[in-house]
Each structure stands twice: as structure tokens, then as C-alpha cells.
Amino acid sequence: MNFVSQVFFQRIFYFCVNFALVLLHVHHSLQCLHRYNFVYFITDRLIILCRGAVQVMKQIEQNAQERLLDQERKDQESQQMLKYLEKLQMEDLRCC
């Protein structure tokens, strides 16, 4: 996992933790009002949000790996082309 991914994941994680703390305060207040349905609704949304954050992190990491593989492939193609051009140059020198 690269640095950007780690920072993004940490920020999402801290957001989820802080949001959970807010929910605890809301839950305490709502206990007095007997409105548990709201807390359960918000908790479910928090779970969905955290799962989404994990999916985003996985996608970011996968994209970074694909870019790395593409760059390696391009480097290999460049090396092959250079070898081919050197071969052609050597053949031209032999002919003359």
C-alpha cells in the first residue's frame, strides 16, 4: 500500500471512529427520547460507509499496481526496441 493510500485509509478510519463517537452521544440522547430506530439507521449507514471506504482503498491499490505493471511492460518494450535497433545498426556496419 503506497503512502497516499495509507493516508486516505487513515483519514477514512478516523472519520469512521469520530462518527461512531458522535453516534454514541446521539444514542445516549435518544435513549432518553426512546427513538432507537434512528440510531440503528445511522449505524447501518456507518457500516456501509466504512465498507465503501475499504472498497475505495482496494481499488486505489489495484490501480497503482496496474500502473506499475504497465510501466514495467513499457520499459521492457523499450529495451527490446533498443536491442533491435542496435542489431540493425550492427548489420548496417557489417554491410559497409
Protein backbone atom coordinates (compact mmCIF):
# COMPACT_ATOMS: atom_id res chain seq x y z
CA MET A 1 0.00 0.00 0.00
CA ASN A 2 1.55 3.30 -1.02
CA PHE A 3 1.73 6.44 1.13
CA VAL A 4 -1.30 8.13 -0.46
CA SER A 5 -3.40 5.02 0.11
CA GLN A 6 -2.29 4.83 3.73
CA VAL A 7 -3.12 8.49 4.35
CA PHE A 8 -6.51 8.11 2.67
CA PHE A 9 -7.28 4.98 4.66
CA GLN A 10 -6.24 6.66 7.93
CA ARG A 11 -8.46 9.65 7.23
CA ILE A 12 -11.44 7.42 6.44
CA PHE A 13 -10.72 5.36 9.55
CA TYR A 14 -10.54 8.44 11.79
CA PHE A 15 -13.73 9.79 10.23
CA CYS A 16 -15.50 6.49 10.97
CA VAL A 17 -14.22 6.44 14.55
CA ASN A 18 -15.27 10.04 15.15
CA PHE A 19 -18.63 9.38 13.55
CA ALA A 20 -19.09 6.38 15.83
CA LEU A 21 -18.34 8.57 18.87
CA VAL A 22 -20.94 11.06 17.70
CA LEU A 23 -23.38 8.18 17.34
CA LEU A 24 -22.73 7.16 20.92
CA HIS A 25 -23.65 10.64 22.10
CA VAL A 26 -26.71 10.63 19.86
CA HIS A 27 -27.65 7.20 21.13
CA HIS A 28 -27.44 8.38 24.74
CA SER A 29 -29.64 11.37 23.95
CA LEU A 30 -32.10 9.25 22.03
CA GLN A 31 -32.33 6.72 24.84
CA CYS A 32 -33.98 9.44 26.85
CA LEU A 33 -36.40 10.03 23.96
CA HIS A 34 -36.90 6.30 23.16
CA ARG A 35 -36.02 6.71 19.49
CA TYR A 36 -33.77 3.75 18.83
CA ASN A 37 -34.77 3.34 15.20
CA PHE A 38 -32.81 6.44 14.23
CA VAL A 39 -29.65 5.13 15.89
CA TYR A 40 -29.93 1.78 14.14
CA PHE A 41 -30.47 3.53 10.81
CA ILE A 42 -27.38 5.73 11.28
CA THR A 43 -25.32 2.75 12.48
CA ASP A 44 -26.23 0.79 9.37
CA ARG A 45 -25.22 3.76 7.21
CA LEU A 46 -21.89 3.99 9.05
CA ILE A 47 -21.19 0.32 8.37
CA ILE A 48 -21.97 0.85 4.68
CA LEU A 49 -19.71 3.93 4.62
CA CYS A 50 -16.79 2.04 6.18
CA ARG A 51 -17.20 -0.86 3.76
CA GLY A 52 -17.24 1.61 0.90
CA ALA A 53 -14.03 3.18 2.19
CA VAL A 54 -12.35 -0.22 2.25
CA GLN A 55 -13.51 -0.86 -1.33
CA VAL A 56 -12.11 2.50 -2.43
CA MET A 57 -8.77 1.68 -0.79
CA LYS A 58 -8.63 -1.68 -2.55
CA GLN A 59 -9.40 -0.02 -5.89
CA ILE A 60 -6.71 2.63 -5.34
CA GLU A 61 -4.14 -0.05 -4.55
CA GLN A 62 -5.19 -2.16 -7.55
CA ASN A 63 -4.93 0.86 -9.87
CA ALA A 64 -1.45 1.65 -8.55
CA GLN A 65 -0.34 -1.94 -9.17
CA GLU A 66 -1.76 -1.87 -12.70
CA ARG A 67 0.08 1.39 -13.44
CA LEU A 68 3.31 -0.17 -12.16
CA LEU A 69 2.82 -3.25 -14.34
CA ASP A 70 2.07 -1.06 -17.37
CA GLN A 71 5.24 0.93 -16.77
CA GLU A 72 7.30 -2.25 -16.46
CA ARG A 73 5.79 -3.57 -19.71
CA LYS A 74 6.61 -0.31 -21.49
CA ASP A 75 10.16 -0.43 -20.15
CA GLN A 76 10.58 -3.99 -21.44
CA GLU A 77 9.22 -3.00 -24.85
CA SER A 78 11.63 -0.08 -24.97
CA GLN A 79 14.55 -2.34 -24.10
CA GLN A 80 13.54 -4.80 -26.81
CA MET A 81 13.27 -1.98 -29.36
CA LEU A 82 16.71 -0.68 -28.38
CA LYS A 83 18.21 -4.15 -28.80
CA TYR A 84 16.55 -4.49 -32.19
CA LEU A 85 17.83 -1.09 -33.33
CA GLU A 86 21.34 -1.96 -32.13
CA LYS A 87 21.14 -5.20 -34.09
CA LEU A 88 20.09 -3.32 -37.23
CA GLN A 89 22.89 -0.83 -36.73
CA MET A 90 25.44 -3.64 -36.37
CA GLU A 91 24.15 -5.28 -39.55
CA ASP A 92 24.44 -1.96 -41.41
CA LEU A 93 28.02 -1.57 -40.21
CA ARG A 94 28.91 -5.09 -41.37
CA CYS A 95 27.48 -4.47 -44.81
CA CYS A 96 29.51 -1.35 -45.41
